[in-house]
Amino acid sequence: ATDLEALTAYAVAESRGYKINVPQQHAKEKAAYAR
């Protein structure tokens, strides 16, 4: 695995069991969703 793949695998494992809650408060978050 590349460093990016390995670090991402470790980080996402640290969120196992947590609820998905991608924020939509900031105007740029809303704009990203719309795009």
Full PDB file with SEQRES, HELIX, SHEET, SSBOND, CRYST1, ORIGX, SCALE, CONECT and MASTER records, all heavy atoms in Angstrom:
SEQRES   1 A   35  ALA THR ASP LEU GLU ALA LEU THR ALA TYR ALA VAL ALA          
SEQRES   2 A   35  GLU SER ARG GLY TYR LYS ILE ASN VAL PRO GLN GLN HIS          
SEQRES   3 A   35  ALA LYS GLU LYS ALA ALA TYR ALA ARG                          
HELIX    1 AA1 ASP A    3  ALA A   13  1                                  11    
HELIX    2 AA2 ALA A   27  ALA A   34  1                                   8    
CRYST1    1.000    1.000    1.000  90.00  90.00  90.00 P 1           1          
ORIGX1      1.000000  0.000000  0.000000        0.00000                         
ORIGX2      0.000000  1.000000  0.000000        0.00000                         
ORIGX3      0.000000  0.000000  1.000000        0.00000                         
SCALE1      1.000000  0.000000  0.000000        0.00000                         
SCALE2      0.000000  1.000000  0.000000        0.00000                         
SCALE3      0.000000  0.000000  1.000000        0.00000                         
ATOM      1  N   ALA A   1       0.827  -1.205   0.000  1.00  0.00           N  
ATOM      2  CA  ALA A   1       0.000   0.000   0.000  1.00  0.00           C  
ATOM      3  C   ALA A   1       0.862   1.257   0.000  1.00  0.00           C  
ATOM      4  O   ALA A   1       1.939   1.299   0.603  1.00  0.00           O  
ATOM      5  CB  ALA A   1      -0.911   0.004   1.218  1.00  0.00           C  
ATOM      6  N   THR A   2       0.400   2.287  -0.690  1.00  0.00           N  
ATOM      7  CA  THR A   2       1.081   3.578  -0.638  1.00  0.00           C  
ATOM      8  C   THR A   2       0.866   4.194   0.741  1.00  0.00           C  
ATOM      9  O   THR A   2      -0.017   3.780   1.506  1.00  0.00           O  
ATOM     10  CB  THR A   2       0.530   4.539  -1.701  1.00  0.00           C  
ATOM     11  OG1 THR A   2      -0.845   4.872  -1.366  1.00  0.00           O  
ATOM     12  CG2 THR A   2       0.577   3.918  -3.085  1.00  0.00           C  
ATOM     13  N   ASP A   3       1.652   5.214   1.049  1.00  0.00           N  
ATOM     14  CA  ASP A   3       1.495   5.890   2.340  1.00  0.00           C  
ATOM     15  C   ASP A   3       0.090   6.466   2.481  1.00  0.00           C  
ATOM     16  O   ASP A   3      -0.518   6.400   3.559  1.00  0.00           O  
ATOM     17  CB  ASP A   3       2.531   7.011   2.477  1.00  0.00           C  
ATOM     18  CG  ASP A   3       3.947   6.491   2.659  1.00  0.00           C  
ATOM     19  OD1 ASP A   3       4.119   5.257   2.801  1.00  0.00           O  
ATOM     20  OD2 ASP A   3       4.889   7.315   2.642  1.00  0.00           O  
ATOM     21  N   LEU A   4      -0.444   7.038   1.402  1.00  0.00           N  
ATOM     22  CA  LEU A   4      -1.781   7.619   1.458  1.00  0.00           C  
ATOM     23  C   LEU A   4      -2.835   6.554   1.715  1.00  0.00           C  
ATOM     24  O   LEU A   4      -3.774   6.764   2.501  1.00  0.00           O  
ATOM     25  CB  LEU A   4      -2.085   8.368   0.160  1.00  0.00           C  
ATOM     26  CG  LEU A   4      -1.275   9.642  -0.093  1.00  0.00           C  
ATOM     27  CD1 LEU A   4      -1.567  10.192  -1.486  1.00  0.00           C  
ATOM     28  CD2 LEU A   4      -1.578  10.701   0.970  1.00  0.00           C  
ATOM     29  N   GLU A   5      -2.709   5.405   1.080  1.00  0.00           N  
ATOM     30  CA  GLU A   5      -3.663   4.313   1.304  1.00  0.00           C  
ATOM     31  C   GLU A   5      -3.579   3.800   2.732  1.00  0.00           C  
ATOM     32  O   GLU A   5      -4.602   3.563   3.385  1.00  0.00           O  
ATOM     33  CB  GLU A   5      -3.392   3.175   0.319  1.00  0.00           C  
ATOM     34  CG  GLU A   5      -3.770   3.489  -1.116  1.00  0.00           C  
ATOM     35  CD  GLU A   5      -3.283   2.447  -2.096  1.00  0.00           C  
ATOM     36  OE1 GLU A   5      -2.270   1.766  -1.828  1.00  0.00           O  
ATOM     37  OE2 GLU A   5      -3.932   2.307  -3.162  1.00  0.00           O  
ATOM     38  N   ALA A   6      -2.351   3.631   3.220  1.00  0.00           N  
ATOM     39  CA  ALA A   6      -2.169   3.085   4.566  1.00  0.00           C  
ATOM     40  C   ALA A   6      -2.686   4.051   5.634  1.00  0.00           C  
ATOM     41  O   ALA A   6      -3.381   3.646   6.574  1.00  0.00           O  
ATOM     42  CB  ALA A   6      -0.689   2.784   4.796  1.00  0.00           C  
ATOM     43  N   LEU A   7      -2.364   5.313   5.498  1.00  0.00           N  
ATOM     44  CA  LEU A   7      -2.829   6.302   6.471  1.00  0.00           C  
ATOM     45  C   LEU A   7      -4.349   6.432   6.443  1.00  0.00           C  
ATOM     46  O   LEU A   7      -4.993   6.582   7.489  1.00  0.00           O  
ATOM     47  CB  LEU A   7      -2.177   7.656   6.193  1.00  0.00           C  
ATOM     48  CG  LEU A   7      -0.715   7.769   6.617  1.00  0.00           C  
ATOM     49  CD1 LEU A   7      -0.026   8.935   5.911  1.00  0.00           C  
ATOM     50  CD2 LEU A   7      -0.618   7.929   8.140  1.00  0.00           C  
ATOM     51  N   THR A   8      -4.925   6.354   5.260  1.00  0.00           N  
ATOM     52  CA  THR A   8      -6.378   6.433   5.139  1.00  0.00           C  
ATOM     53  C   THR A   8      -7.036   5.208   5.769  1.00  0.00           C  
ATOM     54  O   THR A   8      -8.061   5.329   6.457  1.00  0.00           O  
ATOM     55  CB  THR A   8      -6.795   6.562   3.669  1.00  0.00           C  
ATOM     56  OG1 THR A   8      -6.183   7.725   3.102  1.00  0.00           O  
ATOM     57  CG2 THR A   8      -8.299   6.682   3.531  1.00  0.00           C  
ATOM     58  N   ALA A   9      -6.471   4.029   5.550  1.00  0.00           N  
ATOM     59  CA  ALA A   9      -7.014   2.807   6.149  1.00  0.00           C  
ATOM     60  C   ALA A   9      -6.984   2.893   7.673  1.00  0.00           C  
ATOM     61  O   ALA A   9      -7.953   2.514   8.354  1.00  0.00           O  
ATOM     62  CB  ALA A   9      -6.223   1.588   5.668  1.00  0.00           C  
ATOM     63  N   TYR A  10      -5.888   3.386   8.218  1.00  0.00           N  
ATOM     64  CA  TYR A  10      -5.782   3.527   9.678  1.00  0.00           C  
ATOM     65  C   TYR A  10      -6.802   4.527  10.204  1.00  0.00           C  
ATOM     66  O   TYR A  10      -7.512   4.267  11.194  1.00  0.00           O  
ATOM     67  CB  TYR A  10      -4.367   3.971  10.051  1.00  0.00           C  
ATOM     68  CG  TYR A  10      -4.227   4.394  11.497  1.00  0.00           C  
ATOM     69  CD1 TYR A  10      -4.514   3.505  12.537  1.00  0.00           C  
ATOM     70  CD2 TYR A  10      -3.809   5.684  11.829  1.00  0.00           C  
ATOM     71  CE1 TYR A  10      -4.392   3.892  13.868  1.00  0.00           C  
ATOM     72  CE2 TYR A  10      -3.673   6.072  13.151  1.00  0.00           C  
ATOM     73  CZ  TYR A  10      -3.975   5.178  14.169  1.00  0.00           C  
ATOM     74  OH  TYR A  10      -3.862   5.569  15.479  1.00  0.00           O  
ATOM     75  N   ALA A  11      -6.927   5.663   9.526  1.00  0.00           N  
ATOM     76  CA  ALA A  11      -7.830   6.711  10.000  1.00  0.00           C  
ATOM     77  C   ALA A  11      -9.290   6.271   9.949  1.00  0.00           C  
ATOM     78  O   ALA A  11     -10.055   6.525  10.878  1.00  0.00           O  
ATOM     79  CB  ALA A  11      -7.636   7.979   9.175  1.00  0.00           C  
ATOM     80  N   VAL A  12      -9.685   5.623   8.859  1.00  0.00           N  
ATOM     81  CA  VAL A  12     -11.092   5.223   8.752  1.00  0.00           C  
ATOM     82  C   VAL A  12     -11.419   4.128   9.763  1.00  0.00           C  
ATOM     83  O   VAL A  12     -12.540   4.065  10.286  1.00  0.00           O  
ATOM     84  CB  VAL A  12     -11.443   4.786   7.314  1.00  0.00           C  
ATOM     85  CG1 VAL A  12     -10.870   3.413   6.973  1.00  0.00           C  
ATOM     86  CG2 VAL A  12     -12.954   4.795   7.104  1.00  0.00           C  
ATOM     87  N   ALA A  13     -10.451   3.276  10.079  1.00  0.00           N  
ATOM     88  CA  ALA A  13     -10.673   2.252  11.100  1.00  0.00           C  
ATOM     89  C   ALA A  13     -10.937   2.887  12.461  1.00  0.00           C  
ATOM     90  O   ALA A  13     -11.671   2.330  13.291  1.00  0.00           O  
ATOM     91  CB  ALA A  13      -9.473   1.316  11.180  1.00  0.00           C  
ATOM     92  N   GLU A  14     -10.369   4.054  12.692  1.00  0.00           N  
ATOM     93  CA  GLU A  14     -10.580   4.784  13.943  1.00  0.00           C  
ATOM     94  C   GLU A  14     -11.989   5.373  14.028  1.00  0.00           C  
ATOM     95  O   GLU A  14     -12.400   5.873  15.080  1.00  0.00           O  
ATOM     96  CB  GLU A  14      -9.541   5.896  14.084  1.00  0.00           C  
ATOM     97  CG  GLU A  14      -8.126   5.410  14.337  1.00  0.00           C  
ATOM     98  CD  GLU A  14      -7.986   4.742  15.698  1.00  0.00           C  
ATOM     99  OE1 GLU A  14      -8.034   5.456  16.717  1.00  0.00           O  
ATOM    100  OE2 GLU A  14      -7.850   3.496  15.738  1.00  0.00           O  
ATOM    101  N   SER A  15     -12.726   5.345  12.914  1.00  0.00           N  
ATOM    102  CA  SER A  15     -14.109   5.828  12.914  1.00  0.00           C  
ATOM    103  C   SER A  15     -15.124   4.691  12.834  1.00  0.00           C  
ATOM    104  O   SER A  15     -16.323   4.945  12.703  1.00  0.00           O  
ATOM    105  CB  SER A  15     -14.338   6.782  11.726  1.00  0.00           C  
ATOM    106  OG  SER A  15     -13.842   8.066  12.015  1.00  0.00           O  
ATOM    107  N   ARG A  16     -14.643   3.461  12.920  1.00  0.00           N  
ATOM    108  CA  ARG A  16     -15.565   2.325  12.817  1.00  0.00           C  
ATOM    109  C   ARG A  16     -16.619   2.396  13.925  1.00  0.00           C  
ATOM    110  O   ARG A  16     -16.297   2.557  15.100  1.00  0.00           O  
ATOM    111  CB  ARG A  16     -14.802   1.008  12.893  1.00  0.00           C  
ATOM    112  CG  ARG A  16     -15.646  -0.204  12.572  1.00  0.00           C  
ATOM    113  CD  ARG A  16     -14.833  -1.490  12.552  1.00  0.00           C  
ATOM    114  NE  ARG A  16     -14.035  -1.604  11.341  1.00  0.00           N  
ATOM    115  CZ  ARG A  16     -12.714  -1.651  11.315  1.00  0.00           C  
ATOM    116  NH1 ARG A  16     -12.016  -1.526  12.436  1.00  0.00           N  
ATOM    117  NH2 ARG A  16     -12.073  -1.783  10.165  1.00  0.00           N  
ATOM    118  N   GLY A  17     -17.886   2.305  13.528  1.00  0.00           N  
ATOM    119  CA  GLY A  17     -18.978   2.363  14.489  1.00  0.00           C  
ATOM    120  C   GLY A  17     -19.562   3.747  14.678  1.00  0.00           C  
ATOM    121  O   GLY A  17     -20.664   3.889  15.215  1.00  0.00           O  
ATOM    122  N   TYR A  18     -18.858   4.773  14.231  1.00  0.00           N  
ATOM    123  CA  TYR A  18     -19.360   6.143  14.365  1.00  0.00           C  
ATOM    124  C   TYR A  18     -20.390   6.433  13.281  1.00  0.00           C  
ATOM    125  O   TYR A  18     -20.294   5.933  12.156  1.00  0.00           O  
ATOM    126  CB  TYR A  18     -18.214   7.152  14.270  1.00  0.00           C  
ATOM    127  CG  TYR A  18     -17.385   7.266  15.524  1.00  0.00           C  
ATOM    128  CD1 TYR A  18     -16.381   6.331  15.805  1.00  0.00           C  
ATOM    129  CD2 TYR A  18     -17.585   8.303  16.426  1.00  0.00           C  
ATOM    130  CE1 TYR A  18     -15.610   6.433  16.964  1.00  0.00           C  
ATOM    131  CE2 TYR A  18     -16.821   8.415  17.582  1.00  0.00           C  
ATOM    132  CZ  TYR A  18     -15.838   7.476  17.841  1.00  0.00           C  
ATOM    133  OH  TYR A  18     -15.080   7.572  18.980  1.00  0.00           O  
ATOM    134  N   LYS A  19     -21.363   7.258  13.615  1.00  0.00           N  
ATOM    135  CA  LYS A  19     -22.412   7.614  12.672  1.00  0.00           C  
ATOM    136  C   LYS A  19     -21.902   8.600  11.625  1.00  0.00           C  
ATOM    137  O   LYS A  19     -21.172   9.542  11.951  1.00  0.00           O  
ATOM    138  CB  LYS A  19     -23.608   8.236  13.411  1.00  0.00           C  
ATOM    139  CG  LYS A  19     -24.317   7.289  14.358  1.00  0.00           C  
ATOM    140  CD  LYS A  19     -25.003   6.151  13.611  1.00  0.00           C  
ATOM    141  CE  LYS A  19     -25.817   5.278  14.565  1.00  0.00           C  
ATOM    142  NZ  LYS A  19     -26.470   4.153  13.864  1.00  0.00           N  
ATOM    143  N   ILE A  20     -22.294   8.373  10.393  1.00  0.00           N  
ATOM    144  CA  ILE A  20     -21.943   9.281   9.303  1.00  0.00           C  
ATOM    145  C   ILE A  20     -22.722  10.579   9.484  1.00  0.00           C  
ATOM    146  O   ILE A  20     -23.943  10.565   9.601  1.00  0.00           O  
ATOM    147  CB  ILE A  20     -22.260   8.653   7.937  1.00  0.00           C  
ATOM    148  CG1 ILE A  20     -21.462   7.355   7.748  1.00  0.00           C  
ATOM    149  CG2 ILE A  20     -21.975   9.633   6.800  1.00  0.00           C  
ATOM    150  CD1 ILE A  20     -21.952   6.496   6.594  1.00  0.00           C  
ATOM    151  N   ASN A  21     -21.988  11.678   9.524  1.00  0.00           N  
ATOM    152  CA  ASN A  21     -22.625  12.970   9.752  1.00  0.00           C  
ATOM    153  C   ASN A  21     -21.826  14.064   9.047  1.00  0.00           C  
ATOM    154  O   ASN A  21     -21.181  14.893   9.671  1.00  0.00           O  
ATOM    155  CB  ASN A  21     -22.734  13.262  11.250  1.00  0.00           C  
ATOM    156  CG  ASN A  21     -23.554  14.510  11.539  1.00  0.00           C  
ATOM    157  OD1 ASN A  21     -24.416  14.895  10.749  1.00  0.00           O  
ATOM    158  ND2 ASN A  21     -23.288  15.148  12.668  1.00  0.00           N  
ATOM    159  N   VAL A  22     -21.846  14.022   7.718  1.00  0.00           N  
ATOM    160  CA  VAL A  22     -21.119  15.006   6.911  1.00  0.00           C  
ATOM    161  C   VAL A  22     -21.827  16.360   7.062  1.00  0.00           C  
ATOM    162  O   VAL A  22     -23.013  16.472   6.733  1.00  0.00           O  
ATOM    163  CB  VAL A  22     -21.060  14.574   5.432  1.00  0.00           C  
ATOM    164  CG1 VAL A  22     -20.424  15.658   4.576  1.00  0.00           C  
ATOM    165  CG2 VAL A  22     -20.289  13.264   5.306  1.00  0.00           C  
ATOM    166  N   PRO A  23     -21.132  17.362   7.571  1.00  0.00           N  
ATOM    167  CA  PRO A  23     -21.802  18.629   7.910  1.00  0.00           C  
ATOM    168  C   PRO A  23     -22.262  19.426   6.694  1.00  0.00           C  
ATOM    169  O   PRO A  23     -21.668  19.362   5.624  1.00  0.00           O  
ATOM    170  CB  PRO A  23     -20.725  19.394   8.693  1.00  0.00           C  
ATOM    171  CG  PRO A  23     -19.432  18.812   8.239  1.00  0.00           C  
ATOM    172  CD  PRO A  23     -19.697  17.374   7.933  1.00  0.00           C  
ATOM    173  N   GLN A  24     -23.322  20.196   6.936  1.00  0.00           N  
ATOM    174  CA  GLN A  24     -23.907  21.051   5.896  1.00  0.00           C  
ATOM    175  C   GLN A  24     -24.294  22.408   6.491  1.00  0.00           C  
ATOM    176  O   GLN A  24     -25.305  22.996   6.119  1.00  0.00           O  
ATOM    177  CB  GLN A  24     -25.122  20.377   5.275  1.00  0.00           C  
ATOM    178  CG  GLN A  24     -24.800  19.278   4.286  1.00  0.00           C  
ATOM    179  CD  GLN A  24     -24.292  19.806   2.966  1.00  0.00           C  
ATOM    180  OE1 GLN A  24     -25.062  20.216   2.108  1.00  0.00           O  
ATOM    181  NE2 GLN A  24     -22.976  19.810   2.782  1.00  0.00           N  
ATOM    182  N   GLN A  25     -23.455  22.913   7.409  1.00  0.00           N  
ATOM    183  CA  GLN A  25     -23.746  24.195   8.029  1.00  0.00           C  
ATOM    184  C   GLN A  25     -23.151  25.366   7.240  1.00  0.00           C  
ATOM    185  O   GLN A  25     -23.815  26.368   7.014  1.00  0.00           O  
ATOM    186  CB  GLN A  25     -23.209  24.231   9.468  1.00  0.00           C  
ATOM    187  CG  GLN A  25     -24.088  23.507  10.469  1.00  0.00           C  
ATOM    188  CD  GLN A  25     -23.939  21.994  10.373  1.00  0.00           C  
ATOM    189  OE1 GLN A  25     -22.838  21.467  10.296  1.00  0.00           O  
ATOM    190  NE2 GLN A  25     -25.065  21.288  10.385  1.00  0.00           N  
ATOM    191  N   HIS A  26     -21.906  25.231   6.832  1.00  0.00           N  
ATOM    192  CA  HIS A  26     -21.213  26.318   6.151  1.00  0.00           C  
ATOM    193  C   HIS A  26     -21.697  26.431   4.706  1.00  0.00           C  
ATOM    194  O   HIS A  26     -22.061  25.429   4.062  1.00  0.00           O  
ATOM    195  CB  HIS A  26     -19.700  26.071   6.170  1.00  0.00           C  
ATOM    196  CG  HIS A  26     -18.888  27.268   5.837  1.00  0.00           C  
ATOM    197  ND1 HIS A  26     -18.621  27.644   4.538  1.00  0.00           N  
ATOM    198  CD2 HIS A  26     -18.281  28.199   6.635  1.00  0.00           C  
ATOM    199  CE1 HIS A  26     -17.883  28.743   4.548  1.00  0.00           C  
ATOM    200  NE2 HIS A  26     -17.665  29.094   5.804  1.00  0.00           N  
ATOM    201  N   ALA A  27     -21.691  27.654   4.186  1.00  0.00           N  
ATOM    202  CA  ALA A  27     -22.145  27.888   2.808  1.00  0.00           C  
ATOM    203  C   ALA A  27     -21.334  27.083   1.806  1.00  0.00           C  
ATOM    204  O   ALA A  27     -21.883  26.584   0.801  1.00  0.00           O  
ATOM    205  CB  ALA A  27     -22.064  29.378   2.480  1.00  0.00           C  
ATOM    206  N   LYS A  28     -20.038  26.909   2.055  1.00  0.00           N  
ATOM    207  CA  LYS A  28     -19.207  26.152   1.115  1.00  0.00           C  
ATOM    208  C   LYS A  28     -19.480  24.654   1.197  1.00  0.00           C  
ATOM    209  O   LYS A  28     -19.279  23.938   0.218  1.00  0.00           O  
ATOM    210  CB  LYS A  28     -17.728  26.472   1.340  1.00  0.00           C  
ATOM    211  CG  LYS A  28     -17.368  27.891   0.915  1.00  0.00           C  
ATOM    212  CD  LYS A  28     -15.878  28.104   0.777  1.00  0.00           C  
ATOM    213  CE  LYS A  28     -15.584  29.483   0.184  1.00  0.00           C  
ATOM    214  NZ  LYS A  28     -14.144  29.723  -0.034  1.00  0.00           N  
ATOM    215  N   GLU A  29     -19.927  24.171   2.350  1.00  0.00           N  
ATOM    216  CA  GLU A  29     -20.335  22.765   2.459  1.00  0.00           C  
ATOM    217  C   GLU A  29     -21.610  22.527   1.647  1.00  0.00           C  
ATOM    218  O   GLU A  29     -21.729  21.516   0.948  1.00  0.00           O  
ATOM    219  CB  GLU A  29     -20.556  22.403   3.926  1.00  0.00           C  
ATOM    220  CG  GLU A  29     -19.272  22.403   4.746  1.00  0.00           C  
ATOM    221  CD  GLU A  29     -19.489  22.270   6.230  1.00  0.00           C  
ATOM    222  OE1 GLU A  29     -20.626  22.506   6.704  1.00  0.00           O  
ATOM    223  OE2 GLU A  29     -18.520  21.934   6.945  1.00  0.00           O  
ATOM    224  N   LYS A  30     -22.542  23.459   1.735  1.00  0.00           N  
ATOM    225  CA  LYS A  30     -23.778  23.350   0.960  1.00  0.00           C  
ATOM    226  C   LYS A  30     -23.494  23.437  -0.542  1.00  0.00           C  
ATOM    227  O   LYS A  30     -24.107  22.717  -1.342  1.00  0.00           O  
ATOM    228  CB  LYS A  30     -24.752  24.440   1.382  1.00  0.00           C  
ATOM    229  CG  LYS A  30     -25.225  24.305   2.827  1.00  0.00           C  
ATOM    230  CD  LYS A  30     -26.120  25.472   3.226  1.00  0.00           C  
ATOM    231  CE  LYS A  30     -26.547  25.349   4.685  1.00  0.00           C  
ATOM    232  NZ  LYS A  30     -27.391  26.505   5.116  1.00  0.00           N  
ATOM    233  N   ALA A  31     -22.564  24.318  -0.907  1.00  0.00           N  
ATOM    234  CA  ALA A  31     -22.206  24.464  -2.320  1.00  0.00           C  
ATOM    235  C   ALA A  31     -21.533  23.195  -2.844  1.00  0.00           C  
ATOM    236  O   ALA A  31     -21.777  22.774  -3.986  1.00  0.00           O  
ATOM    237  CB  ALA A  31     -21.294  25.667  -2.519  1.00  0.00           C  
ATOM    238  N   ALA A  32     -20.688  22.558  -2.009  1.00  0.00           N  
ATOM    239  CA  ALA A  32     -20.033  21.308  -2.415  1.00  0.00           C  
ATOM    240  C   ALA A  32     -21.072  20.214  -2.645  1.00  0.00           C  
ATOM    241  O   ALA A  32     -20.984  19.448  -3.620  1.00  0.00           O  
ATOM    242  CB  ALA A  32     -19.027  20.870  -1.354  1.00  0.00           C  
ATOM    243  N   TYR A  33     -22.061  20.130  -1.781  1.00  0.00           N  
ATOM    244  CA  TYR A  33     -23.137  19.146  -1.952  1.00  0.00           C  
ATOM    245  C   TYR A  33     -23.892  19.388  -3.258  1.00  0.00           C  
ATOM    246  O   TYR A  33     -24.157  18.440  -4.013  1.00  0.00           O  
ATOM    247  CB  TYR A  33     -24.097  19.217  -0.772  1.00  0.00           C  
ATOM    248  CG  TYR A  33     -25.358  18.406  -0.984  1.00  0.00           C  
ATOM    249  CD1 TYR A  33     -25.387  17.047  -0.688  1.00  0.00           C  
ATOM    250  CD2 TYR A  33     -26.510  18.994  -1.503  1.00  0.00           C  
ATOM    251  CE1 TYR A  33     -26.536  16.293  -0.903  1.00  0.00           C  
ATOM    252  CE2 TYR A  33     -27.662  18.248  -1.727  1.00  0.00           C  
ATOM    253  CZ  TYR A  33     -27.667  16.904  -1.420  1.00  0.00           C  
ATOM    254  OH  TYR A  33     -28.798  16.164  -1.648  1.00  0.00           O  
ATOM    255  N   ALA A  34     -24.227  20.653  -3.520  1.00  0.00           N  
ATOM    256  CA  ALA A  34     -24.992  20.983  -4.732  1.00  0.00           C  
ATOM    257  C   ALA A  34     -24.210  20.627  -5.990  1.00  0.00           C  
ATOM    258  O   ALA A  34     -24.773  20.067  -6.946  1.00  0.00           O  
ATOM    259  CB  ALA A  34     -25.364  22.461  -4.726  1.00  0.00           C  
ATOM    260  N   ARG A  35     -22.904  20.941  -6.003  1.00  0.00           N  
ATOM    261  CA  ARG A  35     -22.077  20.582  -7.164  1.00  0.00           C  
ATOM    262  C   ARG A  35     -21.954  19.069  -7.292  1.00  0.00           C  
ATOM    263  O   ARG A  35     -21.977  18.515  -8.390  1.00  0.00           O  
ATOM    264  CB  ARG A  35     -20.695  21.222  -7.048  1.00  0.00           C  
ATOM    265  CG  ARG A  35     -20.670  22.733  -7.224  1.00  0.00           C  
ATOM    266  CD  ARG A  35     -19.235  23.232  -7.364  1.00  0.00           C  
ATOM    267  NE  ARG A  35     -18.398  22.858  -6.242  1.00  0.00           N  
ATOM    268  CZ  ARG A  35     -18.186  23.604  -5.155  1.00  0.00           C  
ATOM    269  NH1 ARG A  35     -18.775  24.796  -5.049  1.00  0.00           N  
ATOM    270  NH2 ARG A  35     -17.411  23.178  -4.176  1.00  0.00           N  
TER     271      ARG A  35                                                      
MASTER        0    0    0    2    0    0    0    6  270    1    0    3          
END                                                                             
